[in-house]
Amino acid sequence: MARGKGKKGGFLGRMLSDASLLFWRIITIVISALTLFIIIQSAWRIIRSKREINRLTRLQEQYQRQIEADSTLLYRLQFNEYLEQYARERYNMQRENEQVYKIK
């Protein structure tokens, strides 16, 4: 009689507690694996997003430089002297009865 009181149900009680312990260990492993998967997936998305932001920032800076260069060109083309020089250099234009020699 003294032997049965100290052990919660004897062999059957130990079997149930072992099965319960195994169940909770499996649940813990599954939850931990899912959590780790979600964390890794989120970190990968963050890395890809930062790379895309950096790429777009570089592209924005490139376009900004191009806009500034084009704005300067448009301003300079408003003056006839520069317009004539630009046309001569860019499009190989020349005045009537004028000889142009290119030296490279």
PDB file of N, CA and C in Angstrom:
ATOM      1  N   MET A   1       0.812  -1.175   0.000  1.00  0.00           N
ATOM      2  CA  MET A   1       0.000   0.000   0.000  1.00  0.00           C
ATOM      3  C   MET A   1       0.865   1.251   0.000  1.00  0.00           C
ATOM      4  N   ALA A   2       1.942   1.297   0.688  1.00  0.00           N
ATOM      5  CA  ALA A   2       2.804   2.458   0.756  1.00  0.00           C
ATOM      6  C   ALA A   2       3.515   2.679  -0.584  1.00  0.00           C
ATOM      7  N   ARG A   3       3.717   1.600  -1.290  1.00  0.00           N
ATOM      8  CA  ARG A   3       4.410   1.701  -2.554  1.00  0.00           C
ATOM      9  C   ARG A   3       3.581   2.415  -3.617  1.00  0.00           C
ATOM     10  N   GLY A   4       2.325   2.249  -3.687  1.00  0.00           N
ATOM     11  CA  GLY A   4       1.450   2.818  -4.702  1.00  0.00           C
ATOM     12  C   GLY A   4       1.167   4.287  -4.477  1.00  0.00           C
ATOM     13  N   LYS A   5       1.232   4.797  -3.218  1.00  0.00           N
ATOM     14  CA  LYS A   5       0.887   6.184  -2.942  1.00  0.00           C
ATOM     15  C   LYS A   5       1.947   7.164  -3.435  1.00  0.00           C
ATOM     16  N   GLY A   6       3.173   6.814  -3.445  1.00  0.00           N
ATOM     17  CA  GLY A   6       4.242   7.726  -3.782  1.00  0.00           C
ATOM     18  C   GLY A   6       4.428   7.947  -5.282  1.00  0.00           C
ATOM     19  N   LYS A   7       3.916   7.080  -6.105  1.00  0.00           N
ATOM     20  CA  LYS A   7       4.160   7.163  -7.540  1.00  0.00           C
ATOM     21  C   LYS A   7       2.867   7.412  -8.267  1.00  0.00           C
ATOM     22  N   LYS A   8       2.406   8.303  -8.654  1.00  0.00           N
ATOM     23  CA  LYS A   8       1.169   8.625  -9.353  1.00  0.00           C
ATOM     24  C   LYS A   8       0.745   7.539 -10.346  1.00  0.00           C
ATOM     25  N   GLY A   9       0.249   6.476  -9.881  1.00  0.00           N
ATOM     26  CA  GLY A   9      -0.325   5.465 -10.749  1.00  0.00           C
ATOM     27  C   GLY A   9       0.634   4.402 -11.221  1.00  0.00           C
ATOM     28  N   GLY A  10       1.852   4.371 -10.791  1.00  0.00           N
ATOM     29  CA  GLY A  10       2.778   3.312 -11.127  1.00  0.00           C
ATOM     30  C   GLY A  10       3.233   3.358 -12.581  1.00  0.00           C
ATOM     31  N   PHE A  11       3.300   2.177 -13.213  1.00  0.00           N
ATOM     32  CA  PHE A  11       3.814   2.036 -14.560  1.00  0.00           C
ATOM     33  C   PHE A  11       2.955   2.782 -15.582  1.00  0.00           C
ATOM     34  N   LEU A  12       1.640   2.664 -15.452  1.00  0.00           N
ATOM     35  CA  LEU A  12       0.722   3.325 -16.370  1.00  0.00           C
ATOM     36  C   LEU A  12       0.851   4.843 -16.265  1.00  0.00           C
ATOM     37  N   GLY A  13       1.041   5.349 -15.077  1.00  0.00           N
ATOM     38  CA  GLY A  13       1.230   6.784 -14.881  1.00  0.00           C
ATOM     39  C   GLY A  13       2.509   7.279 -15.529  1.00  0.00           C
ATOM     40  N   ARG A  14       3.569   6.474 -15.403  1.00  0.00           N
ATOM     41  CA  ARG A  14       4.829   6.853 -16.045  1.00  0.00           C
ATOM     42  C   ARG A  14       4.708   6.830 -17.561  1.00  0.00           C
ATOM     43  N   MET A  15       3.990   5.872 -18.127  1.00  0.00           N
ATOM     44  CA  MET A  15       3.784   5.784 -19.570  1.00  0.00           C
ATOM     45  C   MET A  15       3.040   7.019 -20.077  1.00  0.00           C
ATOM     46  N   LEU A  16       2.012   7.414 -19.327  1.00  0.00           N
ATOM     47  CA  LEU A  16       1.242   8.590 -19.728  1.00  0.00           C
ATOM     48  C   LEU A  16       2.093   9.847 -19.637  1.00  0.00           C
ATOM     49  N   SER A  17       2.872   9.971 -18.582  1.00  0.00           N
ATOM     50  CA  SER A  17       3.695  11.158 -18.444  1.00  0.00           C
ATOM     51  C   SER A  17       4.807  11.181 -19.486  1.00  0.00           C
ATOM     52  N   ASP A  18       5.375  10.009 -19.837  1.00  0.00           N
ATOM     53  CA  ASP A  18       6.380   9.947 -20.890  1.00  0.00           C
ATOM     54  C   ASP A  18       5.776  10.326 -22.242  1.00  0.00           C
ATOM     55  N   ALA A  19       4.582   9.860 -22.542  1.00  0.00           N
ATOM     56  CA  ALA A  19       3.915  10.194 -23.799  1.00  0.00           C
ATOM     57  C   ALA A  19       3.574  11.677 -23.821  1.00  0.00           C
ATOM     58  N   SER A  20       3.122  12.190 -22.701  1.00  0.00           N
ATOM     59  CA  SER A  20       2.807  13.613 -22.611  1.00  0.00           C
ATOM     60  C   SER A  20       4.058  14.455 -22.789  1.00  0.00           C
ATOM     61  N   LEU A  21       5.143  14.030 -22.188  1.00  0.00           N
ATOM     62  CA  LEU A  21       6.409  14.745 -22.312  1.00  0.00           C
ATOM     63  C   LEU A  21       6.903  14.713 -23.759  1.00  0.00           C
ATOM     64  N   LEU A  22       6.793  13.568 -24.415  1.00  0.00           N
ATOM     65  CA  LEU A  22       7.186  13.446 -25.816  1.00  0.00           C
ATOM     66  C   LEU A  22       6.321  14.350 -26.693  1.00  0.00           C
ATOM     67  N   PHE A  23       5.016  14.356 -26.422  1.00  0.00           N
ATOM     68  CA  PHE A  23       4.098  15.215 -27.176  1.00  0.00           C
ATOM     69  C   PHE A  23       4.517  16.685 -27.061  1.00  0.00           C
ATOM     70  N   TRP A  24       4.788  17.138 -25.865  1.00  0.00           N
ATOM     71  CA  TRP A  24       5.156  18.543 -25.663  1.00  0.00           C
ATOM     72  C   TRP A  24       6.529  18.870 -26.266  1.00  0.00           C
ATOM     73  N   ARG A  25       7.425  17.908 -26.244  1.00  0.00           N
ATOM     74  CA  ARG A  25       8.715  18.121 -26.895  1.00  0.00           C
ATOM     75  C   ARG A  25       8.545  18.277 -28.404  1.00  0.00           C
ATOM     76  N   ILE A  26       7.722  17.419 -29.006  1.00  0.00           N
ATOM     77  CA  ILE A  26       7.466  17.504 -30.441  1.00  0.00           C
ATOM     78  C   ILE A  26       6.801  18.834 -30.787  1.00  0.00           C
ATOM     79  N   ILE A  27       5.809  19.237 -30.010  1.00  0.00           N
ATOM     80  CA  ILE A  27       5.126  20.516 -30.235  1.00  0.00           C
ATOM     81  C   ILE A  27       6.124  21.666 -30.132  1.00  0.00           C
ATOM     82  N   THR A  28       6.994  21.617 -29.139  1.00  0.00           N
ATOM     83  CA  THR A  28       8.005  22.669 -28.957  1.00  0.00           C
ATOM     84  C   THR A  28       8.955  22.730 -30.150  1.00  0.00           C
ATOM     85  N   ILE A  29       9.379  21.577 -30.628  1.00  0.00           N
ATOM     86  CA  ILE A  29      10.285  21.529 -31.788  1.00  0.00           C
ATOM     87  C   ILE A  29       9.588  22.086 -33.030  1.00  0.00           C
ATOM     88  N   VAL A  30       8.334  21.699 -33.248  1.00  0.00           N
ATOM     89  CA  VAL A  30       7.591  22.176 -34.414  1.00  0.00           C
ATOM     90  C   VAL A  30       7.408  23.693 -34.354  1.00  0.00           C
ATOM     91  N   ILE A  31       7.007  24.202 -33.219  1.00  0.00           N
ATOM     92  CA  ILE A  31       6.801  25.647 -33.061  1.00  0.00           C
ATOM     93  C   ILE A  31       8.128  26.393 -33.231  1.00  0.00           C
ATOM     94  N   SER A  32       9.206  25.843 -32.665  1.00  0.00           N
ATOM     95  CA  SER A  32      10.521  26.476 -32.812  1.00  0.00           C
ATOM     96  C   SER A  32      10.965  26.489 -34.276  1.00  0.00           C
ATOM     97  N   ALA A  33      10.732  25.389 -34.990  1.00  0.00           N
ATOM     98  CA  ALA A  33      11.111  25.327 -36.405  1.00  0.00           C
ATOM     99  C   ALA A  33      10.309  26.330 -37.228  1.00  0.00           C
ATOM    100  N   LEU A  34       9.017  26.418 -36.989  1.00  0.00           N
ATOM    101  CA  LEU A  34       8.191  27.384 -37.709  1.00  0.00           C
ATOM    102  C   LEU A  34       8.617  28.818 -37.407  1.00  0.00           C
ATOM    103  N   THR A  35       8.908  29.094 -36.157  1.00  0.00           N
ATOM    104  CA  THR A  35       9.353  30.432 -35.776  1.00  0.00           C
ATOM    105  C   THR A  35      10.678  30.772 -36.458  1.00  0.00           C
ATOM    106  N   LEU A  36      11.605  29.842 -36.469  1.00  0.00           N
ATOM    107  CA  LEU A  36      12.895  30.054 -37.119  1.00  0.00           C
ATOM    108  C   LEU A  36      12.718  30.279 -38.615  1.00  0.00           C
ATOM    109  N   PHE A  37      11.842  29.501 -39.247  1.00  0.00           N
ATOM    110  CA  PHE A  37      11.566  29.667 -40.672  1.00  0.00           C
ATOM    111  C   PHE A  37      11.006  31.055 -40.957  1.00  0.00           C
ATOM    112  N   ILE A  38      10.078  31.513 -40.161  1.00  0.00           N
ATOM    113  CA  ILE A  38       9.472  32.836 -40.360  1.00  0.00           C
ATOM    114  C   ILE A  38      10.505  33.936 -40.154  1.00  0.00           C
ATOM    115  N   ILE A  39      11.360  33.801 -39.157  1.00  0.00           N
ATOM    116  CA  ILE A  39      12.395  34.810 -38.890  1.00  0.00           C
ATOM    117  C   ILE A  39      13.382  34.877 -40.052  1.00  0.00           C
ATOM    118  N   ILE A  40      13.816  33.726 -40.549  1.00  0.00           N
ATOM    119  CA  ILE A  40      14.765  33.707 -41.669  1.00  0.00           C
ATOM    120  C   ILE A  40      14.133  34.298 -42.918  1.00  0.00           C
ATOM    121  N   GLN A  41      12.876  33.944 -43.165  1.00  0.00           N
ATOM    122  CA  GLN A  41      12.178  34.476 -44.338  1.00  0.00           C
ATOM    123  C   GLN A  41      12.030  35.995 -44.229  1.00  0.00           C
ATOM    124  N   SER A  42      11.705  36.498 -43.067  1.00  0.00           N
ATOM    125  CA  SER A  42      11.565  37.944 -42.869  1.00  0.00           C
ATOM    126  C   SER A  42      12.910  38.652 -43.040  1.00  0.00           C
ATOM    127  N   ALA A  43      13.960  38.064 -42.502  1.00  0.00           N
ATOM    128  CA  ALA A  43      15.286  38.664 -42.638  1.00  0.00           C
ATOM    129  C   ALA A  43      15.695  38.717 -44.109  1.00  0.00           C
ATOM    130  N   TRP A  44      15.413  37.667 -44.855  1.00  0.00           N
ATOM    131  CA  TRP A  44      15.742  37.646 -46.277  1.00  0.00           C
ATOM    132  C   TRP A  44      14.971  38.730 -47.034  1.00  0.00           C
ATOM    133  N   ARG A  45      13.700  38.913 -46.698  1.00  0.00           N
ATOM    134  CA  ARG A  45      12.906  39.975 -47.328  1.00  0.00           C
ATOM    135  C   ARG A  45      13.480  41.354 -47.003  1.00  0.00           C
ATOM    136  N   ILE A  46      13.909  41.544 -45.784  1.00  0.00           N
ATOM    137  CA  ILE A  46      14.494  42.830 -45.390  1.00  0.00           C
ATOM    138  C   ILE A  46      15.769  43.087 -46.180  1.00  0.00           C
ATOM    139  N   ILE A  47      16.609  42.077 -46.327  1.00  0.00           N
ATOM    140  CA  ILE A  47      17.858  42.226 -47.081  1.00  0.00           C
ATOM    141  C   ILE A  47      17.562  42.563 -48.537  1.00  0.00           C
ATOM    142  N   ARG A  48      16.619  41.844 -49.140  1.00  0.00           N
ATOM    143  CA  ARG A  48      16.264  42.133 -50.538  1.00  0.00           C
ATOM    144  C   ARG A  48      15.688  43.532 -50.681  1.00  0.00           C
ATOM    145  N   SER A  49      14.867  43.954 -49.735  1.00  0.00           N
ATOM    146  CA  SER A  49      14.282  45.295 -49.795  1.00  0.00           C
ATOM    147  C   SER A  49      15.363  46.371 -49.683  1.00  0.00           C
ATOM    148  N   LYS A  50      16.331  46.180 -48.796  1.00  0.00           N
ATOM    149  CA  LYS A  50      17.418  47.158 -48.662  1.00  0.00           C
ATOM    150  C   LYS A  50      18.257  47.220 -49.926  1.00  0.00           C
ATOM    151  N   ARG A  51      18.513  46.072 -50.546  1.00  0.00           N
ATOM    152  CA  ARG A  51      19.254  46.072 -51.811  1.00  0.00           C
ATOM    153  C   ARG A  51      18.483  46.840 -52.886  1.00  0.00           C
ATOM    154  N   GLU A  52      17.183  46.614 -52.952  1.00  0.00           N
ATOM    155  CA  GLU A  52      16.351  47.302 -53.949  1.00  0.00           C
ATOM    156  C   GLU A  52      16.317  48.805 -53.681  1.00  0.00           C
ATOM    157  N   ILE A  53      16.239  49.193 -52.417  1.00  0.00           N
ATOM    158  CA  ILE A  53      16.254  50.616 -52.063  1.00  0.00           C
ATOM    159  C   ILE A  53      17.578  51.248 -52.485  1.00  0.00           C
ATOM    160  N   ASN A  54      18.694  50.564 -52.224  1.00  0.00           N
ATOM    161  CA  ASN A  54      20.011  51.084 -52.615  1.00  0.00           C
ATOM    162  C   ASN A  54      20.111  51.220 -54.135  1.00  0.00           C
ATOM    163  N   ARG A  55      19.615  50.223 -54.864  1.00  0.00           N
ATOM    164  CA  ARG A  55      19.653  50.273 -56.322  1.00  0.00           C
ATOM    165  C   ARG A  55      18.822  51.446 -56.837  1.00  0.00           C
ATOM    166  N   LEU A  56      17.639  51.616 -56.278  1.00  0.00           N
ATOM    167  CA  LEU A  56      16.770  52.708 -56.716  1.00  0.00           C
ATOM    168  C   LEU A  56      17.333  54.071 -56.332  1.00  0.00           C
ATOM    169  N   THR A  57      18.009  54.152 -55.203  1.00  0.00           N
ATOM    170  CA  THR A  57      18.645  55.411 -54.795  1.00  0.00           C
ATOM    171  C   THR A  57      19.756  55.793 -55.769  1.00  0.00           C
ATOM    172  N   ARG A  58      20.581  54.813 -56.154  1.00  0.00           N
ATOM    173  CA  ARG A  58      21.632  55.080 -57.142  1.00  0.00           C
ATOM    174  C   ARG A  58      21.027  55.511 -58.471  1.00  0.00           C
ATOM    175  N   LEU A  59      19.956  54.860 -58.877  1.00  0.00           N
ATOM    176  CA  LEU A  59      19.283  55.220 -60.123  1.00  0.00           C
ATOM    177  C   LEU A  59      18.702  56.631 -60.043  1.00  0.00           C
ATOM    178  N   GLN A  60      18.131  56.975 -58.898  1.00  0.00           N
ATOM    179  CA  GLN A  60      17.581  58.321 -58.705  1.00  0.00           C
ATOM    180  C   GLN A  60      18.691  59.373 -58.800  1.00  0.00           C
ATOM    181  N   GLU A  61      19.842  59.108 -58.192  1.00  0.00           N
ATOM    182  CA  GLU A  61      20.963  60.046 -58.264  1.00  0.00           C
ATOM    183  C   GLU A  61      21.459  60.196 -59.702  1.00  0.00           C
ATOM    184  N   GLN A  62      21.513  59.082 -60.434  1.00  0.00           N
ATOM    185  CA  GLN A  62      21.933  59.133 -61.830  1.00  0.00           C
ATOM    186  C   GLN A  62      20.971  59.994 -62.642  1.00  0.00           C
ATOM    187  N   TYR A  63      19.677  59.793 -62.464  1.00  0.00           N
ATOM    188  CA  TYR A  63      18.685  60.582 -63.191  1.00  0.00           C
ATOM    189  C   TYR A  63      18.732  62.048 -62.776  1.00  0.00           C
ATOM    190  N   GLN A  64      19.017  62.297 -61.511  1.00  0.00           N
ATOM    191  CA  GLN A  64      19.113  63.681 -61.040  1.00  0.00           C
ATOM    192  C   GLN A  64      20.285  64.398 -61.713  1.00  0.00           C
ATOM    193  N   ARG A  65      21.426  63.701 -61.822  1.00  0.00           N
ATOM    194  CA  ARG A  65      22.578  64.286 -62.521  1.00  0.00           C
ATOM    195  C   ARG A  65      22.249  64.544 -63.991  1.00  0.00           C
ATOM    196  N   GLN A  66      21.531  63.593 -64.617  1.00  0.00           N
ATOM    197  CA  GLN A  66      21.156  63.767 -66.019  1.00  0.00           C
ATOM    198  C   GLN A  66      20.200  64.949 -66.185  1.00  0.00           C
ATOM    199  N   ILE A  67      19.273  65.119 -65.271  1.00  0.00           N
ATOM    200  CA  ILE A  67      18.341  66.258 -65.326  1.00  0.00           C
ATOM    201  C   ILE A  67      19.095  67.567 -65.198  1.00  0.00           C
ATOM    202  N   GLU A  68      20.065  67.620 -64.272  1.00  0.00           N
ATOM    203  CA  GLU A  68      20.858  68.842 -64.104  1.00  0.00           C
ATOM    204  C   GLU A  68      21.657  69.158 -65.363  1.00  0.00           C
ATOM    205  N   ALA A  69      22.256  68.127 -65.979  1.00  0.00           N
ATOM    206  CA  ALA A  69      23.026  68.344 -67.212  1.00  0.00           C
ATOM    207  C   ALA A  69      22.114  68.824 -68.337  1.00  0.00           C
ATOM    208  N   ASP A  70      20.952  68.214 -68.463  1.00  0.00           N
ATOM    209  CA  ASP A  70      20.015  68.616 -69.517  1.00  0.00           C
ATOM    210  C   ASP A  70      19.471  70.019 -69.273  1.00  0.00           C
ATOM    211  N   SER A  71      19.235  70.366 -68.031  1.00  0.00           N
ATOM    212  CA  SER A  71      18.754  71.709 -67.713  1.00  0.00           C
ATOM    213  C   SER A  71      19.804  72.755 -68.066  1.00  0.00           C
ATOM    214  N   THR A  72      21.059  72.455 -67.770  1.00  0.00           N
ATOM    215  CA  THR A  72      22.149  73.365 -68.125  1.00  0.00           C
ATOM    216  C   THR A  72      22.238  73.515 -69.645  1.00  0.00           C
ATOM    217  N   LEU A  73      22.134  72.401 -70.358  1.00  0.00           N
ATOM    218  CA  LEU A  73      22.186  72.447 -71.818  1.00  0.00           C
ATOM    219  C   LEU A  73      21.024  73.270 -72.372  1.00  0.00           C
ATOM    220  N   LEU A  74      19.821  73.069 -71.854  1.00  0.00           N
ATOM    221  CA  LEU A  74      18.673  73.847 -72.322  1.00  0.00           C
ATOM    222  C   LEU A  74      18.871  75.337 -72.076  1.00  0.00           C
ATOM    223  N   TYR A  75      19.427  75.672 -70.931  1.00  0.00           N
ATOM    224  CA  TYR A  75      19.674  77.083 -70.631  1.00  0.00           C
ATOM    225  C   TYR A  75      20.691  77.661 -71.610  1.00  0.00           C
ATOM    226  N   ARG A  76      21.773  76.916 -71.861  1.00  0.00           N
ATOM    227  CA  ARG A  76      22.824  77.416 -72.750  1.00  0.00           C
ATOM    228  C   ARG A  76      22.348  77.500 -74.200  1.00  0.00           C
ATOM    229  N   LEU A  77      21.440  76.613 -74.602  1.00  0.00           N
ATOM    230  CA  LEU A  77      20.942  76.628 -75.980  1.00  0.00           C
ATOM    231  C   LEU A  77      20.035  77.826 -76.265  1.00  0.00           C
ATOM    232  N   GLN A  78      19.650  78.558 -75.249  1.00  0.00           N
ATOM    233  CA  GLN A  78      18.830  79.753 -75.459  1.00  0.00           C
ATOM    234  C   GLN A  78      19.639  80.880 -76.098  1.00  0.00           C
ATOM    235  N   PHE A  79      20.952  80.812 -76.018  1.00  0.00           N
ATOM    236  CA  PHE A  79      21.816  81.843 -76.576  1.00  0.00           C
ATOM    237  C   PHE A  79      22.293  81.404 -77.959  1.00  0.00           C
ATOM    238  N   ASN A  80      22.186  82.314 -78.931  1.00  0.00           N
ATOM    239  CA  ASN A  80      22.495  81.976 -80.317  1.00  0.00           C
ATOM    240  C   ASN A  80      23.942  81.543 -80.517  1.00  0.00           C
ATOM    241  N   GLU A  81      24.880  82.159 -79.798  1.00  0.00           N
ATOM    242  CA  GLU A  81      26.279  81.802 -79.973  1.00  0.00           C
ATOM    243  C   GLU A  81      26.516  80.335 -79.598  1.00  0.00           C
ATOM    244  N   TYR A  82      25.982  79.927 -78.473  1.00  0.00           N
ATOM    245  CA  TYR A  82      26.176  78.535 -78.048  1.00  0.00           C
ATOM    246  C   TYR A  82      25.399  77.590 -78.948  1.00  0.00           C
ATOM    247  N   LEU A  83      24.214  77.982 -79.377  1.00  0.00           N
ATOM    248  CA  LEU A  83      23.407  77.144 -80.259  1.00  0.00           C
ATOM    249  C   LEU A  83      24.162  76.852 -81.552  1.00  0.00           C
ATOM    250  N   GLU A  84      24.791  77.874 -82.107  1.00  0.00           N
ATOM    251  CA  GLU A  84      25.569  77.683 -83.329  1.00  0.00           C
ATOM    252  C   GLU A  84      26.760  76.757 -83.062  1.00  0.00           C
ATOM    253  N   GLN A  85      27.465  76.997 -81.972  1.00  0.00           N
ATOM    254  CA  GLN A  85      28.613  76.148 -81.621  1.00  0.00           C
ATOM    255  C   GLN A  85      28.168  74.706 -81.410  1.00  0.00           C
ATOM    256  N   TYR A  86      27.055  74.498 -80.728  1.00  0.00           N
ATOM    257  CA  TYR A  86      26.544  73.156 -80.455  1.00  0.00           C
ATOM    258  C   TYR A  86      26.176  72.445 -81.757  1.00  0.00           C
ATOM    259  N   ALA A  87      25.501  73.161 -82.651  1.00  0.00           N
ATOM    260  CA  ALA A  87      25.096  72.564 -83.923  1.00  0.00           C
ATOM    261  C   ALA A  87      26.321  72.199 -84.754  1.00  0.00           C
ATOM    262  N   ARG A  88      27.325  73.054 -84.748  1.00  0.00           N
ATOM    263  CA  ARG A  88      28.535  72.763 -85.517  1.00  0.00           C
ATOM    264  C   ARG A  88      29.254  71.531 -84.961  1.00  0.00           C
ATOM    265  N   GLU A  89      29.387  71.453 -83.656  1.00  0.00           N
ATOM    266  CA  GLU A  89      30.123  70.344 -83.047  1.00  0.00           C
ATOM    267  C   GLU A  89      29.334  69.038 -83.079  1.00  0.00           C
ATOM    268  N   ARG A  90      28.091  69.128 -82.766  1.00  0.00           N
ATOM    269  CA  ARG A  90      27.293  67.912 -82.597  1.00  0.00           C
ATOM    270  C   ARG A  90      26.812  67.338 -83.929  1.00  0.00           C
ATOM    271  N   TYR A  91      26.374  68.205 -84.813  1.00  0.00           N
ATOM    272  CA  TYR A  91      25.748  67.747 -86.054  1.00  0.00           C
ATOM    273  C   TYR A  91      26.581  68.058 -87.298  1.00  0.00           C
ATOM    274  N   ASN A  92      27.834  68.444 -87.090  1.00  0.00           N
ATOM    275  CA  ASN A  92      28.755  68.733 -88.189  1.00  0.00           C
ATOM    276  C   ASN A  92      28.171  69.735 -89.185  1.00  0.00           C
ATOM    277  N   MET A  93      27.515  70.728 -88.681  1.00  0.00           N
ATOM    278  CA  MET A  93      26.931  71.747 -89.546  1.00  0.00           C
ATOM    279  C   MET A  93      27.987  72.806 -89.857  1.00  0.00           C
ATOM    280  N   GLN A  94      27.766  73.497 -90.966  1.00  0.00           N
ATOM    281  CA  GLN A  94      28.693  74.552 -91.357  1.00  0.00           C
ATOM    282  C   GLN A  94      27.924  75.645 -92.083  1.00  0.00           C
ATOM    283  N   ARG A  95      28.550  76.768 -92.149  1.00  0.00           N
ATOM    284  CA  ARG A  95      27.943  77.884 -92.872  1.00  0.00           C
ATOM    285  C   ARG A  95      28.106  77.658 -94.375  1.00  0.00           C
ATOM    286  N   GLU A  96      27.321  78.404 -95.123  1.00  0.00           N
ATOM    287  CA  GLU A  96      27.407  78.322 -96.570  1.00  0.00           C
ATOM    288  C   GLU A  96      28.786  78.809 -97.028  1.00  0.00           C
ATOM    289  N   ASN A  97      29.376  78.113 -97.971  1.00  0.00           N
ATOM    290  CA  ASN A  97      30.691  78.424 -98.527  1.00  0.00           C
ATOM    291  C   ASN A  97      31.795  78.390 -97.459  1.00  0.00           C
ATOM    292  N   GLU A  98      31.680  77.502 -96.510  1.00  0.00           N
ATOM    293  CA  GLU A  98      32.680  77.393 -95.447  1.00  0.00           C
ATOM    294  C   GLU A  98      33.289  75.995 -95.515  1.00  0.00           C
ATOM    295  N   GLN A  99      34.558  75.921 -95.334  1.00  0.00           N
ATOM    296  CA  GLN A  99      35.256  74.659 -95.308  1.00  0.00           C
ATOM    297  C   GLN A  99      35.588  74.310 -93.859  1.00  0.00           C
ATOM    298  N   VAL A 100      35.243  73.087 -93.443  1.00  0.00           N
ATOM    299  CA  VAL A 100      35.505  72.645 -92.068  1.00  0.00           C
ATOM    300  C   VAL A 100      36.429  71.442 -92.144  1.00  0.00           C
ATOM    301  N   TYR A 101      37.494  71.495 -91.365  1.00  0.00           N
ATOM    302  CA  TYR A 101      38.445  70.405 -91.288  1.00  0.00           C
ATOM    303  C   TYR A 101      38.440  69.874 -89.868  1.00  0.00           C
ATOM    304  N   LYS A 102      38.256  68.567 -89.743  1.00  0.00           N
ATOM    305  CA  LYS A 102      38.266  67.943 -88.407  1.00  0.00           C
ATOM    306  C   LYS A 102      39.636  67.332 -88.164  1.00  0.00           C
ATOM    307  N   ILE A 103      40.180  67.627 -87.029  1.00  0.00           N
ATOM    308  CA  ILE A 103      41.462  67.061 -86.637  1.00  0.00           C
ATOM    309  C   ILE A 103      41.220  66.184 -85.422  1.00  0.00           C
ATOM    310  N   LYS A 104      41.634  64.944 -85.536  1.00  0.00           N
ATOM    311  CA  LYS A 104      41.414  64.026 -84.417  1.00  0.00           C
ATOM    312  C   LYS A 104      42.709  63.739 -83.711  1.00  0.00           C
TER     313      LYS A 104
END
